[in-house]
C-alpha cells in the first residue's frame, strides 16, 4: 500500500506492475507524472528530464567534414554520367581522384570542415601509411551508399582506422601483443544483441548455464539472460558504493568458479560512472590465467570520458570481447555507431573448435551456405552472419554512410593530440556535477581518478547516512516506497530521474545523467532534491521526537 503524505496517498506507486518495469519504461511513467499538472506550479515550467543519457553536446568538426565530403562525392558521381541531364550519376572514379580532391579543397578554402578533411587525408597517408587515393575512394563510395558493404564485416580501410582509434582510447600505452578484428554494428545495443545470440547459437552458452554480471550494470544485461531465448543463471558481482563503486577481491573471486561461463561488465560503470581501478583489472586478468576458458565481455562506451583509460581488453585480450559505441562521446546516439572487437587468437574460437562432434556438425550445416570451410569461420564472422540470420549474410554490414561518419569521428579523435575536445567534455560534465551537489548541500572532493561523472547516482542509504545519520535513513526506508521519491520529484518538481534498482544497485537510488541538461538545470534539480529531503527530515522529527536540523548537512 502506498505511503501517505498529509493524508494523501501517492497513487503512482499503486499502479500494478510498476515494480517489474525496466527503468527506461518506468521513465515514461515518471514523465507522465511530471507533465500531469503539478500542484501550484506555473503551466510554463518545463520538465527537467535527467533520466536518459543522451548528451546535449556533439562533435561538430567531423560532422562538417562529413557534409563537405558528401558534396565532393556527389561531384564525383555526376562526372560518371555527365552526358545525361536527368539527374543520373554513377560510381566515383579512382583515377585522378586525389588531384580532383585537392582542387575541391582549394575551391572551398575557409569553409567549415575543409581543413579537417585536408588533415584527415594527410593523417591517413603520413601517419597510418595507407593510400590516400584508396581511402578517398572508399569514403566517396561509402558516403554515396551506392554499393553493399564490402567486406561485409567492415570496409577494409575503415576497419584499420577504427582499429587505430580503439587502440588509442581502449588500450593506450598498455602492452598489447597481436592484432584484433573489428565488426561495425548499429550501436552498442546491436552489439549486445548479436553477441548474446551468437554465443547461444555456437553453444558457448546454453539454457541453465551460469554467467556473471558486474553490478550495477546497464539494464539490458540484467534482462536479456532472463528471456526464454536464454534462461541463464546469473551470479552478481556487487560493486560497493562505500568502496568507491569498486569490486572487492571477494566479489571478483566468484569468477574462479568453473560453472561461470562468462563475465559481462560495463566499464566505466552505468550508472555509478566509475572505471574499474588498475588493481581490480589486474586481479581479473590473473583469474583469467587460472580460468583460460572464461569469456569476458567489456562494454566500454564511457571509457573515452575517463582519464588515461585502459580497457580489460588490453589486459586479457584473448578472452575479451570489446564493445564500444560512439554514441555518447561524439553526441551521436541517432547515428547508431558501435563496434565489436576480438583478438585474432581468442578463447571463443578455441571453445568452438573443441565442441563435441554433433555440435560441430550442426554448426557446419548452419554456416556451409556462406563458406566452403565453415569449421574455420571465426567467431566475429559468425557474429556477422548471425546478424543477418546467415541466409542474408551477403547483405550484412553496417550501412556505408554510417561507417564513413564512424571513420571521421575516429580520425578527429586521433588527430586531436592535445585532447582539446575530450578535456572540454570533461570540464562540461564535471561542472554540472559540482552544481548539482552544491544545491543538494553536499560537497565532494573530486580526487578519485576513477570517477568519470557521465552519470551520478544518488544512493539514498549512502548519502542519507552522510547527511543526517543512519537512524534517519532507516526511518526513511521503512516509511517510503522505493519509487516514492522519484514520483514525488516528477509530480511536484517536474524532475525525472531513473531508478537505480533497475540497474542492479543494492540500495534505493536515482540515476542522474550529467550529459543532457545545462548547468542551471542541474542547480534546479539539486534544489528540488534538497527541498524534498528537508520535508522528510521534518516528518522524521515529528514521528520520532528527534530534532534533526534539516538545513545541516555533513
Protein backbone atom coordinates (compact mmCIF):
# COMPACT_ATOMS: atom_id res chain seq x y z
CA UNK A 1 0.00 0.00 0.00
CA UNK A 2 1.30 3.45 -0.85
CA UNK A 3 2.53 5.62 2.00
CA UNK A 4 0.65 8.81 2.86
CA UNK A 5 1.72 12.43 2.90
CA UNK A 6 -0.62 14.87 4.59
CA UNK A 7 -3.34 12.26 4.35
CA UNK A 8 -2.96 11.79 0.58
CA UNK A 9 -1.76 8.58 -0.99
CA UNK A 10 0.75 8.60 -3.81
CA UNK A 11 -1.39 6.77 -6.35
CA UNK A 12 1.53 6.47 -8.77
CA UNK A 13 3.08 3.71 -6.65
CA UNK A 14 -0.18 1.75 -6.59
CA UNK A 15 -0.20 1.13 -10.33
CA UNK A 16 0.11 -2.62 -10.89
CA UNK A 17 3.32 -3.87 -12.45
CA UNK A 18 5.47 -0.77 -11.90
CA UNK A 19 8.00 -2.71 -9.86
CA UNK A 20 8.61 -5.07 -12.81
CA UNK A 21 9.23 -2.32 -15.36
CA UNK A 22 12.65 -1.63 -16.82
CA UNK A 23 13.94 1.76 -15.61
CA UNK A 24 13.62 3.03 -19.18
CA UNK A 25 9.94 2.04 -19.26
CA UNK A 26 9.33 3.40 -15.75
CA UNK A 27 10.86 6.62 -17.01
CA UNK A 28 7.83 7.03 -19.30
CA UNK A 29 5.54 6.81 -16.26
CA UNK A 30 7.65 9.41 -14.47
CA UNK A 31 7.43 11.69 -17.48
CA UNK A 32 3.64 11.34 -17.41
CA UNK A 33 3.70 12.28 -13.74
CA UNK A 34 5.94 15.26 -14.46
CA UNK A 35 3.56 16.55 -17.11
CA UNK A 36 0.38 15.70 -15.27
CA UNK A 37 -0.42 19.10 -13.81
CA UNK A 38 1.88 19.71 -10.85
CA UNK A 39 0.12 21.37 -7.95
CA UNK A 40 0.59 25.14 -7.74
CA UNK A 41 3.25 25.23 -10.45
CA UNK A 42 3.09 27.52 -13.47
CA UNK A 43 2.00 25.86 -16.69
CA UNK A 44 5.07 27.19 -18.47
CA UNK A 45 7.55 25.42 -16.17
CA UNK A 46 9.37 22.88 -18.31
CA UNK A 47 10.16 19.33 -17.27
CA UNK A 48 13.78 18.51 -16.41
CA UNK A 49 14.47 15.02 -17.72
CA UNK A 50 17.82 13.84 -16.39
CA UNK A 51 16.80 10.23 -16.87
CA UNK A 52 18.32 9.34 -20.21
CA UNK A 53 21.99 9.52 -21.09
CA UNK A 54 21.51 11.16 -24.49
CA UNK A 55 24.03 14.05 -24.42
CA UNK A 56 23.14 17.62 -25.35
CA UNK A 57 26.62 18.14 -26.81
CA UNK A 58 28.10 16.83 -30.04
CA UNK A 59 31.29 16.87 -32.09
CA UNK A 60 30.87 19.48 -34.82
CA UNK A 61 34.18 19.30 -36.72
CA UNK A 62 33.85 15.71 -38.05
CA UNK A 63 30.22 16.41 -38.93
CA UNK A 64 31.24 19.42 -41.02
CA UNK A 65 33.78 17.12 -42.64
CA UNK A 66 31.07 14.57 -43.40
CA UNK A 67 28.89 17.08 -45.26
CA UNK A 68 31.78 18.52 -47.26
CA UNK A 69 32.93 15.03 -48.19
CA UNK A 70 29.39 14.34 -49.34
CA UNK A 71 29.49 17.36 -51.65
CA UNK A 72 32.76 16.19 -53.16
CA UNK A 73 31.43 12.65 -53.59
CA UNK A 74 28.32 13.99 -55.35
CA UNK A 75 30.53 15.94 -57.74
CA UNK A 76 32.40 12.70 -58.47
CA UNK A 77 29.16 10.78 -59.01
CA UNK A 78 27.91 13.36 -61.50
CA UNK A 79 31.12 13.07 -63.54
CA UNK A 80 30.33 9.47 -64.43
CA UNK A 81 27.21 10.27 -66.46
CA UNK A 82 27.71 13.94 -67.23
CA UNK A 83 26.12 13.45 -70.67
CA UNK A 84 22.78 12.56 -69.01
CA UNK A 85 20.98 15.67 -67.74
CA UNK A 86 18.18 13.78 -65.97
CA UNK A 87 19.88 13.58 -62.59
CA UNK A 88 21.70 10.30 -63.24
CA UNK A 89 25.01 9.76 -61.51
CA UNK A 90 27.41 6.87 -61.13
CA UNK A 91 30.23 5.44 -59.09
CA UNK A 92 33.24 7.67 -58.36
CA UNK A 93 36.33 7.08 -60.50
CA UNK A 94 39.58 6.09 -58.85
CA UNK A 95 41.91 7.60 -61.48
CA UNK A 96 42.83 11.18 -60.66
CA UNK A 97 40.70 11.22 -57.52
CA UNK A 98 43.40 12.74 -55.29
CA UNK A 99 44.07 15.59 -57.71
CA UNK A 100 40.38 16.40 -58.02
CA UNK A 101 40.04 16.32 -54.23
CA UNK A 102 42.92 18.78 -53.84
CA UNK A 103 41.20 21.08 -56.31
CA UNK A 104 37.95 20.78 -54.33
CA UNK A 105 39.79 21.73 -51.13
CA UNK A 106 41.29 24.82 -52.77
CA UNK A 107 37.95 25.90 -54.18
CA UNK A 108 36.30 25.59 -50.75
CA UNK A 109 39.10 27.11 -48.69
CA UNK A 110 37.78 28.59 -45.44
CA UNK A 111 34.60 26.52 -45.42
CA UNK A 112 33.91 24.60 -42.18
CA UNK A 113 35.11 21.02 -42.46
CA UNK A 114 37.60 21.58 -45.27
CA UNK A 115 40.70 21.91 -43.09
CA UNK A 116 39.61 18.83 -41.17
CA UNK A 117 39.30 16.79 -44.39
CA UNK A 118 42.70 18.01 -45.58
CA UNK A 119 44.23 16.97 -42.26
CA UNK A 120 42.39 13.64 -42.26
CA UNK A 121 43.73 12.60 -45.67
CA UNK A 122 47.21 13.70 -44.61
CA UNK A 123 46.96 11.70 -41.38
CA UNK A 124 45.78 8.58 -43.20
CA UNK A 125 48.66 8.83 -45.68
CA UNK A 126 51.50 10.04 -43.48
CA UNK A 127 50.71 8.62 -40.04
CA UNK A 128 48.86 5.41 -40.87
CA UNK A 129 50.75 4.61 -44.07
CA UNK A 130 47.61 4.00 -46.12
CA UNK A 131 46.95 5.02 -49.70
CA UNK A 132 45.25 8.43 -49.77
CA UNK A 133 43.60 7.60 -53.09
CA UNK A 134 42.23 4.29 -51.85
CA UNK A 135 40.97 5.99 -48.70
CA UNK A 136 39.21 8.75 -50.66
CA UNK A 137 37.63 6.22 -52.99
CA UNK A 138 36.34 4.12 -50.07
CA UNK A 139 34.95 7.22 -48.37
CA UNK A 140 33.30 8.58 -51.53
CA UNK A 141 31.72 5.27 -52.48
CA UNK A 142 30.68 4.77 -48.85
CA UNK A 143 29.07 8.17 -48.37
CA UNK A 144 27.17 7.80 -51.65
CA UNK A 145 25.85 4.45 -50.36
CA UNK A 146 25.95 3.12 -53.90
CA UNK A 147 27.21 -0.35 -53.03
CA UNK A 148 26.77 -3.06 -50.42
CA UNK A 149 29.31 -3.01 -47.57
CA UNK A 150 32.33 -4.97 -48.85
CA UNK A 151 33.78 -6.68 -46.88
CA UNK A 152 30.53 -7.21 -45.00
CA UNK A 153 32.11 -7.09 -41.55
CA UNK A 154 33.55 -3.64 -42.21
CA UNK A 155 35.00 -1.65 -45.10
CA UNK A 156 38.68 -2.51 -45.49
CA UNK A 157 40.44 0.77 -44.67
CA UNK A 158 37.66 1.81 -42.32
CA UNK A 159 38.42 -1.19 -40.12
CA UNK A 160 42.10 -0.21 -39.98
CA UNK A 161 41.31 3.40 -38.98
CA UNK A 162 38.66 2.47 -36.41
CA UNK A 163 41.06 -0.13 -35.06
CA UNK A 164 43.66 2.60 -34.53
CA UNK A 165 41.08 4.68 -32.67
CA UNK A 166 40.22 1.75 -30.41
CA UNK A 167 43.91 1.17 -29.74
CA UNK A 168 44.35 4.78 -28.70
CA UNK A 169 41.27 5.02 -26.49
CA UNK A 170 40.89 1.47 -25.12
CA UNK A 171 44.48 0.22 -24.95
CA UNK A 172 46.62 3.34 -24.83
CA UNK A 173 50.22 2.67 -23.82
CA UNK A 174 49.47 -0.72 -22.28
CA UNK A 175 51.49 -3.54 -23.89
CA UNK A 176 49.37 -5.42 -26.42
CA UNK A 177 50.52 -8.43 -28.39
CA UNK A 178 48.84 -9.42 -31.65
CA UNK A 179 46.08 -7.97 -33.80
CA UNK A 180 42.32 -7.72 -33.45
CA UNK A 181 39.33 -7.67 -35.79
CA UNK A 182 36.51 -5.12 -35.74
CA UNK A 183 32.85 -5.52 -36.66
CA UNK A 184 30.92 -2.26 -37.22
CA UNK A 185 27.40 -2.52 -35.79
CA UNK A 186 24.29 -0.42 -35.21
CA UNK A 187 25.31 0.97 -31.83
CA UNK A 188 26.16 -0.78 -28.59
CA UNK A 189 22.63 -2.18 -28.36
CA UNK A 190 23.09 -4.16 -31.57
CA UNK A 191 26.45 -5.37 -30.29
CA UNK A 192 24.79 -6.80 -27.17
CA UNK A 193 22.05 -8.47 -29.18
CA UNK A 194 24.44 -10.04 -31.67
CA UNK A 195 26.87 -11.29 -29.04
CA UNK A 196 24.25 -12.99 -26.87
CA UNK A 197 22.70 -14.60 -29.94
CA UNK A 198 25.92 -15.89 -31.49
CA UNK A 199 27.19 -17.21 -28.17
CA UNK A 200 23.96 -19.21 -27.87
CA UNK A 201 23.94 -20.39 -31.49
CA UNK A 202 27.53 -21.61 -31.15
CA UNK A 203 26.97 -23.42 -27.85
CA UNK A 204 29.16 -21.08 -25.83
CA UNK A 205 26.19 -20.51 -23.53
CA UNK A 206 23.05 -22.61 -23.26
CA UNK A 207 19.94 -22.76 -21.11
CA UNK A 208 20.84 -23.40 -17.48
CA UNK A 209 24.42 -22.14 -17.82
CA UNK A 210 25.79 -19.60 -15.37
CA UNK A 211 27.15 -16.19 -16.25
CA UNK A 212 28.38 -13.39 -14.00
CA UNK A 213 27.35 -9.73 -14.18
CA UNK A 214 29.31 -6.82 -12.74
CA UNK A 215 26.66 -4.86 -10.85
CA UNK A 216 25.36 -2.19 -11.16
CA UNK A 217 25.11 -2.56 -14.93
CA UNK A 218 23.18 -1.28 -17.94
CA UNK A 219 19.72 -2.81 -17.54
CA UNK A 220 19.56 -4.97 -20.71
CA UNK A 221 22.46 -7.05 -19.42
CA UNK A 222 20.19 -7.94 -16.49
CA UNK A 223 17.07 -8.53 -18.58
CA UNK A 224 18.41 -10.50 -21.58
CA UNK A 225 19.63 -13.58 -19.62
CA UNK A 226 16.12 -13.98 -18.15
CA UNK A 227 14.42 -14.23 -21.54
CA UNK A 228 13.09 -17.54 -22.82
CA UNK A 229 15.74 -17.36 -25.54
CA UNK A 230 18.47 -17.86 -22.92
CA UNK A 231 17.24 -18.80 -19.41
CA UNK A 232 20.67 -18.33 -17.88
CA UNK A 233 21.59 -18.44 -14.22
CA UNK A 234 23.26 -15.23 -13.06
CA UNK A 235 25.86 -14.59 -10.38
CA UNK A 236 26.13 -10.94 -9.38
CA UNK A 237 29.44 -9.30 -8.57
CA UNK A 238 28.47 -6.30 -6.45
CA UNK A 239 30.44 -3.05 -6.53
CA UNK A 240 30.23 -1.24 -3.19
CA UNK A 241 29.29 2.45 -3.03
CA UNK A 242 31.22 2.75 0.24
CA UNK A 243 34.29 1.45 -1.61
CA UNK A 244 34.04 3.99 -4.41
CA UNK A 245 31.94 1.60 -6.53
CA UNK A 246 34.83 -0.87 -6.83
CA UNK A 247 34.62 -4.66 -6.68
CA UNK A 248 36.21 -6.34 -3.69
CA UNK A 249 38.54 -9.28 -4.25
CA UNK A 250 35.93 -11.45 -2.54
CA UNK A 251 33.38 -10.49 -5.19
CA UNK A 252 35.84 -10.98 -8.06
CA UNK A 253 36.77 -14.40 -6.68
CA UNK A 254 33.31 -15.58 -7.76
CA UNK A 255 34.83 -15.76 -11.26
CA UNK A 256 37.04 -18.64 -10.14
CA UNK A 257 34.01 -20.93 -10.07
CA UNK A 258 34.26 -23.13 -13.21
CA UNK A 259 30.46 -23.04 -13.56
CA UNK A 260 30.71 -19.37 -14.57
CA UNK A 261 30.98 -19.44 -18.38
CA UNK A 262 31.20 -15.69 -18.99
CA UNK A 263 31.54 -12.38 -17.19
CA UNK A 264 29.76 -9.29 -18.55
CA UNK A 265 30.62 -5.82 -17.25
CA UNK A 266 30.28 -2.16 -18.17
CA UNK A 267 33.43 -0.15 -17.58
CA UNK A 268 33.19 2.68 -16.58
CA UNK A 269 30.06 1.54 -14.83
CA UNK A 270 26.48 2.54 -15.57
CA UNK A 271 25.05 4.22 -13.56
CA UNK A 272 27.83 4.97 -10.99
CA UNK A 273 30.10 6.13 -13.84
CA UNK A 274 33.28 4.83 -12.21
CA UNK A 275 36.02 2.95 -14.01
CA UNK A 276 37.44 -0.24 -12.56
CA UNK A 277 40.70 0.56 -10.82
CA UNK A 278 44.00 -0.82 -12.09
CA UNK A 279 44.36 -3.28 -9.22
CA UNK A 280 40.99 -4.87 -9.92
CA UNK A 281 41.64 -5.09 -13.65
CA UNK A 282 44.89 -6.90 -12.99
CA UNK A 283 43.12 -9.16 -10.48
CA UNK A 284 40.60 -10.18 -13.15
CA UNK A 285 43.41 -10.77 -15.64
CA UNK A 286 45.16 -13.01 -13.11
CA UNK A 287 41.95 -15.00 -12.59
CA UNK A 288 41.75 -15.49 -16.36
CA UNK A 289 45.19 -17.11 -16.27
CA UNK A 290 43.69 -19.71 -13.92
CA UNK A 291 40.44 -19.80 -15.95
CA UNK A 292 41.59 -19.73 -19.60
CA UNK A 293 38.10 -20.86 -20.66
CA UNK A 294 36.38 -17.80 -19.15
CA UNK A 295 34.79 -15.44 -21.68
CA UNK A 296 34.80 -11.75 -20.78
CA UNK A 297 32.65 -9.02 -22.33
CA UNK A 298 33.54 -5.44 -21.51
CA UNK A 299 31.23 -2.65 -22.64
CA UNK A 300 33.43 0.45 -22.56
CA UNK A 301 31.20 3.13 -24.06
CA UNK A 302 32.14 5.66 -21.34
CA UNK A 303 35.86 4.91 -21.41
CA UNK A 304 36.60 7.96 -23.56
CA UNK A 305 35.42 10.22 -20.72
CA UNK A 306 37.95 8.76 -18.27
CA UNK A 307 41.49 9.92 -17.63
CA UNK A 308 44.09 7.51 -19.05
CA UNK A 309 41.52 4.77 -19.59
CA UNK A 310 42.68 1.17 -20.08
CA UNK A 311 40.17 -1.50 -21.03
CA UNK A 312 40.07 -5.05 -19.72
CA UNK A 313 40.53 -5.88 -23.41
CA UNK A 314 44.11 -4.60 -23.07
CA UNK A 315 44.91 -6.87 -20.11
CA UNK A 316 43.14 -10.05 -21.19
CA UNK A 317 42.68 -9.64 -24.95
CA UNK A 318 42.40 -13.30 -25.88
CA UNK A 319 39.47 -13.83 -23.52
CA UNK A 320 37.70 -10.50 -24.01
CA UNK A 321 35.02 -9.26 -26.38
CA UNK A 322 35.23 -5.46 -26.55
CA UNK A 323 32.07 -3.43 -27.15
CA UNK A 324 32.38 0.27 -27.86
CA UNK A 325 29.80 2.82 -29.00
CA UNK A 326 30.44 6.25 -30.50
CA UNK A 327 27.04 7.49 -29.30
CA UNK A 328 27.90 9.31 -26.09
CA UNK A 329 31.37 10.73 -26.70
CA UNK A 330 30.54 12.23 -30.08
CA UNK A 331 26.89 13.04 -29.29
CA UNK A 332 25.78 10.61 -31.98
CA UNK A 333 23.05 8.42 -30.50
CA UNK A 334 20.97 8.89 -33.64
CA UNK A 335 23.77 7.68 -35.90
CA UNK A 336 23.76 4.19 -34.27
CA UNK A 337 27.52 3.62 -34.44
CA UNK A 338 29.12 0.81 -32.48
CA UNK A 339 31.91 -1.74 -32.72
CA UNK A 340 32.73 -5.25 -31.56
CA UNK A 341 36.40 -6.18 -31.39
CA UNK A 342 38.02 -9.58 -30.78
CA UNK A 343 41.64 -10.66 -30.72
CA UNK A 344 42.57 -12.85 -33.67
CA UNK A 345 43.65 -15.56 -31.22
CA UNK A 346 40.70 -15.84 -28.86
CA UNK A 347 39.02 -18.23 -26.46
CA UNK A 348 35.71 -18.19 -28.34
CA UNK A 349 37.30 -19.71 -31.43
CA UNK A 350 39.13 -22.28 -29.31
CA UNK A 351 35.97 -23.30 -27.46
CA UNK A 352 34.05 -23.68 -30.72
CA UNK A 353 36.85 -25.80 -32.16
CA UNK A 354 36.61 -28.06 -29.10
CA UNK A 355 32.86 -28.67 -29.26
CA UNK A 356 31.50 -32.24 -29.47
CA UNK A 357 31.10 -33.75 -32.93
CA UNK A 358 27.32 -33.41 -33.04
CA UNK A 359 27.52 -29.70 -32.18
CA UNK A 360 30.24 -29.18 -34.80
CA UNK A 361 28.11 -30.95 -37.40
CA UNK A 362 25.17 -28.68 -36.58
CA UNK A 363 27.31 -25.57 -36.92
CA UNK A 364 28.86 -26.86 -40.15
CA UNK A 365 25.38 -27.11 -41.62
CA UNK A 366 24.44 -23.69 -40.26
CA UNK A 367 27.28 -21.84 -41.98
CA UNK A 368 28.03 -24.02 -45.03
CA UNK A 369 25.98 -21.75 -47.33
CA UNK A 370 28.39 -18.84 -46.82
CA UNK A 371 31.82 -20.51 -46.83
CA UNK A 372 33.47 -23.66 -48.13
CA UNK A 373 35.20 -24.08 -44.76
CA UNK A 374 32.52 -23.38 -42.15
CA UNK A 375 34.51 -25.08 -39.39
CA UNK A 376 37.21 -22.39 -39.76
CA UNK A 377 34.79 -19.46 -39.62
CA UNK A 378 35.93 -17.06 -36.91
CA UNK A 379 33.62 -16.12 -34.04
CA UNK A 380 33.50 -12.50 -35.19
CA UNK A 381 32.47 -13.55 -38.70
CA UNK A 382 29.81 -15.81 -37.19
CA UNK A 383 28.53 -12.66 -35.50
CA UNK A 384 28.27 -11.01 -38.90
CA UNK A 385 26.42 -13.96 -40.43
CA UNK A 386 24.09 -14.43 -37.47
CA UNK A 387 23.26 -10.71 -37.50
CA UNK A 388 21.52 -11.41 -40.83
CA UNK A 389 20.21 -14.89 -39.95
CA UNK A 390 23.05 -16.40 -42.02
CA UNK A 391 20.93 -16.62 -45.19
CA UNK A 392 21.25 -12.86 -45.69
CA UNK A 393 24.96 -12.71 -44.94
CA UNK A 394 25.62 -11.35 -48.43
CA UNK A 395 23.79 -8.15 -47.42
CA UNK A 396 25.27 -7.91 -43.93
CA UNK A 397 27.21 -4.97 -42.59
CA UNK A 398 26.60 -1.51 -41.22
CA UNK A 399 25.39 0.99 -43.83
CA UNK A 400 28.34 2.60 -45.54
CA UNK A 401 27.46 6.26 -44.75
CA UNK A 402 27.40 5.24 -41.08
CA UNK A 403 30.83 3.69 -41.48
CA UNK A 404 32.12 6.88 -43.11
CA UNK A 405 30.92 9.01 -40.20
CA UNK A 406 32.47 6.48 -37.78
CA UNK A 407 35.80 6.84 -39.61
CA UNK A 408 35.65 10.64 -39.49
CA UNK A 409 34.86 10.57 -35.77
CA UNK A 410 37.83 8.23 -35.28
CA UNK A 411 40.19 10.44 -37.27
CA UNK A 412 39.00 13.53 -35.39
CA UNK A 413 40.00 11.87 -32.12
CA UNK A 414 43.28 10.50 -33.49
CA UNK A 415 44.23 13.96 -34.77
CA UNK A 416 43.18 15.69 -31.52
CA UNK A 417 46.60 15.15 -29.95
CA UNK A 418 46.23 17.77 -27.18
CA UNK A 419 42.86 16.14 -26.33
CA UNK A 420 41.13 19.53 -26.59
CA UNK A 421 37.70 18.03 -27.35
CA UNK A 422 38.00 15.38 -24.65
CA UNK A 423 39.08 17.85 -22.00
CA UNK A 424 36.27 20.24 -22.91
CA UNK A 425 33.71 17.47 -22.37
CA UNK A 426 35.25 16.53 -19.04
CA UNK A 427 35.08 20.13 -17.83
CA UNK A 428 31.49 20.40 -19.00
CA UNK A 429 30.08 17.36 -17.23
CA UNK A 430 32.14 17.82 -14.06
CA UNK A 431 30.96 21.40 -13.64
CA UNK A 432 27.40 20.09 -13.89
CA UNK A 433 28.05 17.55 -11.15
CA UNK A 434 29.51 20.22 -8.89
CA UNK A 435 26.47 22.45 -9.47
CA UNK A 436 24.06 19.61 -8.63
CA UNK A 437 25.72 18.67 -5.35
CA UNK A 438 26.24 22.26 -4.27
CA UNK A 439 22.49 22.77 -4.38
CA UNK A 440 21.77 19.46 -2.64
CA UNK A 441 24.12 20.65 0.07
CA UNK A 442 26.89 18.09 -0.25
CA UNK A 443 30.46 18.92 -1.11
CA UNK A 444 32.52 16.30 -2.91
CA UNK A 445 36.25 16.26 -3.36
CA UNK A 446 36.71 15.12 -6.96
CA UNK A 447 40.03 13.48 -6.22
CA UNK A 448 39.05 9.94 -7.23
CA UNK A 449 40.87 9.31 -10.52
CA UNK A 450 38.35 6.58 -11.36
CA UNK A 451 35.37 8.94 -11.36
CA UNK A 452 34.11 9.60 -14.88
CA UNK A 453 30.98 11.62 -14.00
CA UNK A 454 28.91 10.98 -17.12
CA UNK A 455 26.24 9.93 -14.61
CA UNK A 456 25.97 10.30 -10.91
CA UNK A 457 23.91 8.04 -8.69
CA UNK A 458 22.06 9.41 -5.70
CA UNK A 459 22.22 6.48 -3.29
CA UNK A 460 19.70 7.07 -0.51
CA UNK A 461 21.44 4.97 2.14
CA UNK A 462 24.92 6.30 1.47
CA UNK A 463 24.03 9.97 1.03
CA UNK A 464 21.28 9.95 3.68
CA UNK A 465 23.66 8.50 6.25
CA UNK A 466 26.28 11.08 5.38
CA UNK A 467 23.80 13.95 5.63
CA UNK A 468 21.64 13.02 8.64
CA UNK A 469 22.83 9.73 10.09
CA UNK A 470 21.81 6.10 9.95
CA UNK A 471 18.73 6.43 12.13
CA UNK A 472 17.15 8.84 9.66
CA UNK A 473 17.93 6.53 6.74
CA UNK A 474 16.40 3.51 8.48
CA UNK A 475 13.23 5.51 9.19
CA UNK A 476 13.07 6.78 5.60
CA UNK A 477 13.41 3.30 4.08
CA UNK A 478 10.76 1.94 6.42
CA UNK A 479 8.26 4.70 5.70
CA UNK A 480 8.60 5.25 1.95
CA UNK A 481 8.16 3.08 -1.13
CA UNK A 482 11.30 2.61 -3.26
CA UNK A 483 9.92 4.77 -6.09
CA UNK A 484 8.13 7.34 -3.96
CA UNK A 485 10.89 9.93 -4.04
CA UNK A 486 11.20 9.58 -7.82
CA UNK A 487 7.48 10.05 -8.38
CA UNK A 488 7.29 12.99 -5.99
CA UNK A 489 10.19 14.68 -7.76
CA UNK A 490 8.42 14.10 -11.07
CA UNK A 491 4.97 15.28 -9.94
CA UNK A 492 5.93 18.16 -7.66
CA UNK A 493 9.16 19.46 -9.18
CA UNK A 494 8.89 18.09 -12.74
CA UNK A 495 12.27 16.39 -12.36
CA UNK A 496 12.70 12.95 -13.94
CA UNK A 497 15.43 10.57 -12.76
CA UNK A 498 15.83 6.83 -13.39
CA UNK A 499 15.60 4.27 -10.55
CA UNK A 500 18.97 2.81 -9.67
CA UNK A 501 17.36 -0.50 -8.72
CA UNK A 502 16.71 -1.16 -12.41
CA UNK A 503 20.47 -1.17 -12.95
CA UNK A 504 21.07 -3.56 -10.08
CA UNK A 505 22.09 -1.13 -7.35
CA UNK A 506 21.72 -2.64 -3.89
CA UNK A 507 20.18 0.47 -2.29
CA UNK A 508 17.25 2.67 -3.39
CA UNK A 509 18.71 5.35 -5.61
CA UNK A 510 18.22 7.59 -8.63
CA UNK A 511 20.42 7.88 -11.70
CA UNK A 512 21.15 11.41 -12.87
CA UNK A 513 22.63 11.90 -16.31
CA UNK A 514 25.10 14.78 -16.26
CA UNK A 515 25.19 14.90 -20.05
CA UNK A 516 21.78 16.04 -21.25
CA UNK A 517 20.92 19.28 -19.42
CA UNK A 518 22.59 22.63 -18.78
CA UNK A 519 24.35 23.59 -15.56
CA UNK A 520 21.49 25.82 -14.42
CA UNK A 521 19.10 22.87 -14.80
CA UNK A 522 21.23 20.73 -12.50
CA UNK A 523 21.06 23.51 -9.92
CA UNK A 524 17.27 23.40 -10.16
CA UNK A 525 17.34 19.62 -9.73
CA UNK A 526 19.64 19.93 -6.73
CA UNK A 527 17.33 22.46 -5.06
CA UNK A 528 14.29 20.26 -5.71
CA UNK A 529 16.08 17.30 -4.13
CA UNK A 530 17.11 19.35 -1.11
CA UNK A 531 13.54 20.61 -0.53
CA UNK A 532 12.23 17.05 -0.68
CA UNK A 533 14.88 15.76 1.73
CA UNK A 534 14.18 18.61 4.16
CA UNK A 535 10.49 17.71 4.16
CA UNK A 536 11.33 14.11 5.09
CA UNK A 537 13.54 15.40 7.88
CA UNK A 538 10.58 17.36 9.24
CA UNK A 539 8.41 14.22 9.09
CA UNK A 540 11.15 12.23 10.83
CA UNK A 541 11.35 14.82 13.59
CA UNK A 542 7.56 14.78 14.05
CA UNK A 543 7.38 10.98 14.10
CA UNK A 544 10.34 10.32 16.41
CA UNK A 545 10.50 13.39 18.61
CA UNK A 546 14.05 13.97 17.42
CA UNK A 547 15.36 17.35 16.39
CA UNK A 548 17.49 16.87 13.29
CA UNK A 549 18.47 20.20 11.77
CA UNK A 550 17.04 19.96 8.25
CA UNK A 551 19.50 22.55 6.96
CA UNK A 552 22.57 20.93 8.44
CA UNK A 553 24.47 18.74 6.04
CA UNK A 554 27.60 16.86 6.95
